[in-house]
Amino acid sequence: MSFIDPTQPPAPTTPKRSKILANTIGKDSSGKDILQYTLENDKNVKVELLSIGARLNSLKLSPTGSELVPGFTSTQVDNTNGSVDADSKFGAIDGPICGELANSMHTINYDGETDETTGEVKFMTTAANMDVVVTYSLSEDNKITVQISATSAGNTETMVDMCSSMFFQLMTGTESADDHRLMLNADNHFASGSPTSVGGIYDYRSTKLVSVLIDYILLGNSNTLRINEDFLLNGAPGLRKAAEYALFFVIG
């Protein structure tokens, strides 16, 4: 028989780590292997990562659940030579400088490694004069964490503005993007290179349908839809609320 001393702190416990599986799905244009890593926690949430672009390629809340992110499909893998069409930036890490630079896109195939003790997958590469590390993890409470670090060579100053281009698919295939509701914690957006008030059509500080903005853009661009707006988040730099996103159903 054992007794617990209530005056003593509880013994430390080792947190559960996601299971990690790794395999090769093909090759990039240079012949380098494209690696696929799968993280899965005890709640059967599964995250699929690819070394090409250090991207989040798949997210499912259950083995039979719907796909929540648009990633590579089987049609983008050439079964003849195993090469992968990497033109899509869905889920990839953008940088070193994010923005609209003409003819400047180049997809990098990262080196990857896993850490079973922490349940993390790390992707590493050299971009321009910087060593870049992208780390993904999946917790038991279904939280996906993405950490991006960049170190310039020789400790020289350089500009860096990297981000994750995750796109989430909340629809099951029968709903339209018009049915999505969005809230952005942003008083300003970049209309012409400098911060401009979001007053009017771009004001999503309170939740409203995405269709309001979609209809406006379609009206001004002869039915050519291209939403690519930059918003300046409120608050000091660091971790803060950015947005709320939901699917709106009309029942009746």
Foldseek 3Di string as FASTA:
>chain_A
DDDDDPVDDDDDDQFDFWDKDKDFQAAEPVRHTKMKIWTAAPQRWIWIFIQWLRFTAFTARHPPGDTWFHHDDPVQADPVHRYGDNPDQARGKDDQDDDDDPPPDDIDRWDWDADNSHNKIWTWDQDDQKTKIWIWGAHNVGDIDIDIDIAGPPNDDDRGDMDTNHDTDPDPPPDDLQQKKKAFQFQFWCPDNDTDGCPDQSHRNDIDTPVSVQVVVCVVPVNDGDDDIGGDHDDDPDDDDTMDMDGHDDDD
